[in-house]
Amino acid sequence: MTPLFSITNTITRDEYQTFNMVVLKKEFHFVRSLIIINVCALFIMMSIMGETLITDFKHFWWGIIFIVVMLCCTNWFYFTRPKKKANKAFDENKLMQNQEYTVNFYEDHSEHISSFGNSSIAYDKLTKIIETPSHFYLMHSKGQGTIIPKGKAGEGFVDFIHKIKEKYNI
């Protein structure tokens, strides 16, 4: 049986980092969690500042500076930590680095071929298909998926993926 589409790709550090951030945002609601943390931190700090304002106005501005610095540090931490974790995971997994794989797409399943072996995944077993401007991510579970660059896909591939999403309600 001939595949409808065949895509060969190599996982790079940048692709892995991008995949990690997209999964965090789409599956684990990263941005919503960050907003909740910021709002809670702001309320706590403002309640402390309310007491300071009543007792001593000149220390109020130091409190404002403290709030701004804390919120900046918190946001910086939450945006750099996932990248560091992704880099660490990529560096520790020597098998994944620059690993070339081929994904063949058929009507009802996709076939994944690499030097480690072959696997076949039925489309109804996918948990989600995430689309970005440059990639498709075929999610096998909440944190595991296959990276498919749109640039390496043939003509009609995007429509094919959209039909799969509609047909299997993914």
C-alpha atoms as a PDB file:
ATOM      1  CA  MET A   1       0.000   0.000   0.000  1.00  0.00           C
ATOM      2  CA  THR A   2       1.416   3.376  -0.980  1.00  0.00           C
ATOM      3  CA  PRO A   3       1.322   6.226   1.499  1.00  0.00           C
ATOM      4  CA  LEU A   4      -0.644   9.358   0.670  1.00  0.00           C
ATOM      5  CA  PHE A   5       2.117  11.498   2.156  1.00  0.00           C
ATOM      6  CA  SER A   6       5.638  10.709   3.326  1.00  0.00           C
ATOM      7  CA  ILE A   7       7.594  13.169   5.465  1.00  0.00           C
ATOM      8  CA  THR A   8      11.186  12.759   6.610  1.00  0.00           C
ATOM      9  CA  ASN A   9      12.416  14.972   9.426  1.00  0.00           C
ATOM     10  CA  THR A  10      15.277  15.285  11.902  1.00  0.00           C
ATOM     11  CA  ILE A  11      14.602  16.431  15.455  1.00  0.00           C
ATOM     12  CA  THR A  12      16.724  19.468  16.282  1.00  0.00           C
ATOM     13  CA  ARG A  13      17.093  21.298  19.577  1.00  0.00           C
ATOM     14  CA  ASP A  14      15.015  24.231  18.297  1.00  0.00           C
ATOM     15  CA  GLU A  15      12.188  21.978  17.116  1.00  0.00           C
ATOM     16  CA  TYR A  16      12.194  20.161  20.441  1.00  0.00           C
ATOM     17  CA  GLN A  17      12.088  23.444  22.407  1.00  0.00           C
ATOM     18  CA  THR A  18       9.247  24.721  20.231  1.00  0.00           C
ATOM     19  CA  PHE A  19       7.345  21.456  20.671  1.00  0.00           C
ATOM     20  CA  ASN A  20       7.842  21.667  24.439  1.00  0.00           C
ATOM     21  CA  MET A  21       6.507  25.242  24.658  1.00  0.00           C
ATOM     22  CA  VAL A  22       3.528  24.508  22.385  1.00  0.00           C
ATOM     23  CA  VAL A  23       2.579  21.485  24.490  1.00  0.00           C
ATOM     24  CA  LEU A  24       2.913  23.533  27.690  1.00  0.00           C
ATOM     25  CA  LYS A  25       0.673  26.251  26.283  1.00  0.00           C
ATOM     26  CA  LYS A  26      -1.951  24.026  24.645  1.00  0.00           C
ATOM     27  CA  GLU A  27      -2.079  20.978  26.915  1.00  0.00           C
ATOM     28  CA  PHE A  28      -1.001  22.222  30.319  1.00  0.00           C
ATOM     29  CA  HIS A  29      -2.489  25.751  30.100  1.00  0.00           C
ATOM     30  CA  PHE A  30       0.843  27.395  30.836  1.00  0.00           C
ATOM     31  CA  VAL A  31      -0.295  30.974  30.188  1.00  0.00           C
ATOM     32  CA  ARG A  32      -3.456  30.625  32.289  1.00  0.00           C
ATOM     33  CA  SER A  33      -1.411  29.240  35.179  1.00  0.00           C
ATOM     34  CA  LEU A  34       1.063  32.093  34.888  1.00  0.00           C
ATOM     35  CA  ILE A  35      -1.736  34.678  34.950  1.00  0.00           C
ATOM     36  CA  ILE A  36      -3.257  33.088  38.057  1.00  0.00           C
ATOM     37  CA  ILE A  37       0.134  33.076  39.805  1.00  0.00           C
ATOM     38  CA  ASN A  38       0.719  36.735  38.900  1.00  0.00           C
ATOM     39  CA  VAL A  39      -2.716  37.850  40.095  1.00  0.00           C
ATOM     40  CA  CYS A  40      -2.343  35.966  43.398  1.00  0.00           C
ATOM     41  CA  ALA A  41       1.141  37.390  43.948  1.00  0.00           C
ATOM     42  CA  LEU A  42      -0.122  40.876  43.147  1.00  0.00           C
ATOM     43  CA  PHE A  43      -3.007  40.577  45.639  1.00  0.00           C
ATOM     44  CA  ILE A  44      -0.714  39.310  48.375  1.00  0.00           C
ATOM     45  CA  MET A  45       1.836  42.048  47.784  1.00  0.00           C
ATOM     46  CA  MET A  46      -0.837  44.752  47.533  1.00  0.00           C
ATOM     47  CA  SER A  47      -2.352  43.655  50.839  1.00  0.00           C
ATOM     48  CA  ILE A  48       1.072  43.986  52.438  1.00  0.00           C
ATOM     49  CA  MET A  49       1.512  47.351  50.709  1.00  0.00           C
ATOM     50  CA  GLY A  50      -1.878  48.547  51.992  1.00  0.00           C
ATOM     51  CA  GLU A  51      -0.631  48.236  55.550  1.00  0.00           C
ATOM     52  CA  THR A  52       2.599  50.020  54.628  1.00  0.00           C
ATOM     53  CA  LEU A  53       0.713  52.886  52.959  1.00  0.00           C
ATOM     54  CA  ILE A  54      -1.373  53.468  56.060  1.00  0.00           C
ATOM     55  CA  THR A  55       1.622  53.464  58.416  1.00  0.00           C
ATOM     56  CA  ASP A  56       4.419  55.028  56.350  1.00  0.00           C
ATOM     57  CA  PHE A  57       3.965  56.594  52.897  1.00  0.00           C
ATOM     58  CA  LYS A  58       7.679  56.982  52.062  1.00  0.00           C
ATOM     59  CA  HIS A  59       8.207  53.213  52.186  1.00  0.00           C
ATOM     60  CA  PHE A  60       5.316  52.761  49.766  1.00  0.00           C
ATOM     61  CA  TRP A  61       7.523  53.418  46.717  1.00  0.00           C
ATOM     62  CA  TRP A  62      10.044  50.824  47.853  1.00  0.00           C
ATOM     63  CA  GLY A  63       7.142  48.393  48.036  1.00  0.00           C
ATOM     64  CA  ILE A  64       6.066  49.247  44.489  1.00  0.00           C
ATOM     65  CA  ILE A  65       9.614  48.633  43.260  1.00  0.00           C
ATOM     66  CA  PHE A  66       9.652  45.328  45.156  1.00  0.00           C
ATOM     67  CA  ILE A  67       6.352  44.256  43.535  1.00  0.00           C
ATOM     68  CA  VAL A  68       7.597  45.074  40.037  1.00  0.00           C
ATOM     69  CA  VAL A  69      10.896  43.240  40.595  1.00  0.00           C
ATOM     70  CA  MET A  70       9.122  40.177  42.045  1.00  0.00           C
ATOM     71  CA  LEU A  71       6.649  39.972  39.153  1.00  0.00           C
ATOM     72  CA  CYS A  72       9.457  40.369  36.600  1.00  0.00           C
ATOM     73  CA  CYS A  73      11.542  37.663  38.298  1.00  0.00           C
ATOM     74  CA  THR A  74       8.578  35.293  38.540  1.00  0.00           C
ATOM     75  CA  ASN A  75       7.714  35.706  34.861  1.00  0.00           C
ATOM     76  CA  TRP A  76      11.338  35.368  33.797  1.00  0.00           C
ATOM     77  CA  PHE A  77      11.635  32.183  35.863  1.00  0.00           C
ATOM     78  CA  TYR A  78       8.493  30.641  34.384  1.00  0.00           C
ATOM     79  CA  PHE A  79       9.537  31.408  30.798  1.00  0.00           C
ATOM     80  CA  THR A  80      13.191  30.339  31.050  1.00  0.00           C
ATOM     81  CA  ARG A  81      12.704  27.199  33.150  1.00  0.00           C
ATOM     82  CA  PRO A  82      10.808  25.215  30.474  1.00  0.00           C
ATOM     83  CA  LYS A  83      13.536  26.005  27.933  1.00  0.00           C
ATOM     84  CA  LYS A  84      16.228  24.825  30.348  1.00  0.00           C
ATOM     85  CA  LYS A  85      14.279  21.639  31.062  1.00  0.00           C
ATOM     86  CA  ALA A  86      13.788  21.006  27.338  1.00  0.00           C
ATOM     87  CA  ASN A  87      17.504  21.557  26.686  1.00  0.00           C
ATOM     88  CA  LYS A  88      18.412  19.205  29.522  1.00  0.00           C
ATOM     89  CA  ALA A  89      16.036  16.506  28.263  1.00  0.00           C
ATOM     90  CA  PHE A  90      17.380  16.900  24.725  1.00  0.00           C
ATOM     91  CA  ASP A  91      21.019  16.743  25.897  1.00  0.00           C
ATOM     92  CA  GLU A  92      20.439  13.699  28.114  1.00  0.00           C
ATOM     93  CA  ASN A  93      18.718  11.687  25.395  1.00  0.00           C
ATOM     94  CA  LYS A  94      21.560  10.976  22.961  1.00  0.00           C
ATOM     95  CA  LEU A  95      19.305   8.734  20.867  1.00  0.00           C
ATOM     96  CA  MET A  96      16.958  11.598  20.063  1.00  0.00           C
ATOM     97  CA  GLN A  97      19.619  14.071  18.980  1.00  0.00           C
ATOM     98  CA  ASN A  98      19.631  14.531  15.225  1.00  0.00           C
ATOM     99  CA  GLN A  99      17.533  11.379  14.864  1.00  0.00           C
ATOM    100  CA  GLU A 100      16.010  11.105  11.407  1.00  0.00           C
ATOM    101  CA  TYR A 101      12.552   9.598  11.129  1.00  0.00           C
ATOM    102  CA  THR A 102       9.971   9.167   8.402  1.00  0.00           C
ATOM    103  CA  VAL A 103       6.228   9.379   8.862  1.00  0.00           C
ATOM    104  CA  ASN A 104       4.042   7.784   6.197  1.00  0.00           C
ATOM    105  CA  PHE A 105       0.408   8.860   6.184  1.00  0.00           C
ATOM    106  CA  TYR A 106      -2.339   6.503   5.034  1.00  0.00           C
ATOM    107  CA  GLU A 107      -6.136   6.840   5.059  1.00  0.00           C
ATOM    108  CA  ASP A 108      -6.652   5.417   8.559  1.00  0.00           C
ATOM    109  CA  HIS A 109      -3.226   5.414  10.229  1.00  0.00           C
ATOM    110  CA  SER A 110       0.305   6.778  10.162  1.00  0.00           C
ATOM    111  CA  GLU A 111       3.483   4.733  10.118  1.00  0.00           C
ATOM    112  CA  HIS A 112       6.567   5.995  11.954  1.00  0.00           C
ATOM    113  CA  ILE A 113       9.914   4.655  10.745  1.00  0.00           C
ATOM    114  CA  SER A 114      13.314   5.319  12.316  1.00  0.00           C
ATOM    115  CA  SER A 115      16.550   3.459  12.933  1.00  0.00           C
ATOM    116  CA  PHE A 116      15.044   2.238  16.232  1.00  0.00           C
ATOM    117  CA  GLY A 117      12.080   0.532  14.634  1.00  0.00           C
ATOM    118  CA  ASN A 118       8.671   1.002  13.108  1.00  0.00           C
ATOM    119  CA  SER A 119       5.330   1.777  14.677  1.00  0.00           C
ATOM    120  CA  SER A 120       1.851   2.295  13.365  1.00  0.00           C
ATOM    121  CA  ILE A 121      -0.634   4.639  15.008  1.00  0.00           C
ATOM    122  CA  ALA A 122      -4.313   4.709  14.070  1.00  0.00           C
ATOM    123  CA  TYR A 123      -5.708   8.229  13.826  1.00  0.00           C
ATOM    124  CA  ASP A 124      -8.487   7.442  16.284  1.00  0.00           C
ATOM    125  CA  LYS A 125      -5.798   6.752  18.930  1.00  0.00           C
ATOM    126  CA  LEU A 126      -4.395  10.294  18.671  1.00  0.00           C
ATOM    127  CA  THR A 127      -5.427  12.513  21.561  1.00  0.00           C
ATOM    128  CA  LYS A 128      -4.999  15.797  19.713  1.00  0.00           C
ATOM    129  CA  ILE A 129      -3.525  17.399  16.614  1.00  0.00           C
ATOM    130  CA  ILE A 130      -1.979  20.778  17.404  1.00  0.00           C
ATOM    131  CA  GLU A 131      -1.415  23.155  14.504  1.00  0.00           C
ATOM    132  CA  THR A 132       1.001  26.083  14.540  1.00  0.00           C
ATOM    133  CA  PRO A 133       2.029  28.291  11.616  1.00  0.00           C
ATOM    134  CA  SER A 134       5.087  26.098  10.953  1.00  0.00           C
ATOM    135  CA  HIS A 135       4.282  22.628  12.357  1.00  0.00           C
ATOM    136  CA  PHE A 136       1.713  19.982  13.123  1.00  0.00           C
ATOM    137  CA  TYR A 137       2.064  18.023  16.354  1.00  0.00           C
ATOM    138  CA  LEU A 138       0.353  14.635  16.381  1.00  0.00           C
ATOM    139  CA  MET A 139      -0.206  14.047  20.086  1.00  0.00           C
ATOM    140  CA  HIS A 140      -0.146  10.406  21.236  1.00  0.00           C
ATOM    141  CA  SER A 141      -0.683  11.412  24.869  1.00  0.00           C
ATOM    142  CA  LYS A 142      -0.773  14.659  26.811  1.00  0.00           C
ATOM    143  CA  GLY A 143       3.013  15.127  26.705  1.00  0.00           C
ATOM    144  CA  GLN A 144       4.185  12.938  23.823  1.00  0.00           C
ATOM    145  CA  GLY A 145       3.810  13.523  20.119  1.00  0.00           C
ATOM    146  CA  THR A 146       5.292  13.525  16.652  1.00  0.00           C
ATOM    147  CA  ILE A 147       6.697  16.702  15.118  1.00  0.00           C
ATOM    148  CA  ILE A 148       5.613  17.272  11.500  1.00  0.00           C
ATOM    149  CA  PRO A 149       7.046  20.402   9.813  1.00  0.00           C
ATOM    150  CA  LYS A 150       4.630  21.951   7.313  1.00  0.00           C
ATOM    151  CA  GLY A 151       7.509  23.008   5.072  1.00  0.00           C
ATOM    152  CA  LYS A 152       8.473  19.394   4.391  1.00  0.00           C
ATOM    153  CA  ALA A 153       4.913  18.289   3.675  1.00  0.00           C
ATOM    154  CA  GLY A 154       3.600  18.001   0.169  1.00  0.00           C
ATOM    155  CA  GLU A 155       0.782  19.923  -1.406  1.00  0.00           C
ATOM    156  CA  GLY A 156      -2.585  18.976   0.020  1.00  0.00           C
ATOM    157  CA  PHE A 157      -1.150  17.773   3.332  1.00  0.00           C
ATOM    158  CA  VAL A 158      -2.733  20.560   5.377  1.00  0.00           C
ATOM    159  CA  ASP A 159      -6.169  19.715   3.945  1.00  0.00           C
ATOM    160  CA  PHE A 160      -5.542  16.029   4.670  1.00  0.00           C
ATOM    161  CA  ILE A 161      -4.751  16.766   8.338  1.00  0.00           C
ATOM    162  CA  HIS A 162      -7.830  18.985   8.639  1.00  0.00           C
ATOM    163  CA  LYS A 163      -9.978  16.139   7.258  1.00  0.00           C
ATOM    164  CA  ILE A 164      -8.460  13.756   9.824  1.00  0.00           C
ATOM    165  CA  LYS A 165      -9.220  16.247  12.615  1.00  0.00           C
ATOM    166  CA  GLU A 166     -12.848  16.478  11.470  1.00  0.00           C
ATOM    167  CA  LYS A 167     -13.326  12.775  10.771  1.00  0.00           C
ATOM    168  CA  TYR A 168     -11.891  11.533  14.072  1.00  0.00           C
ATOM    169  CA  ASN A 169     -12.993  14.552  16.121  1.00  0.00           C
ATOM    170  CA  ILE A 170      -9.481  15.257  17.367  1.00  0.00           C
END
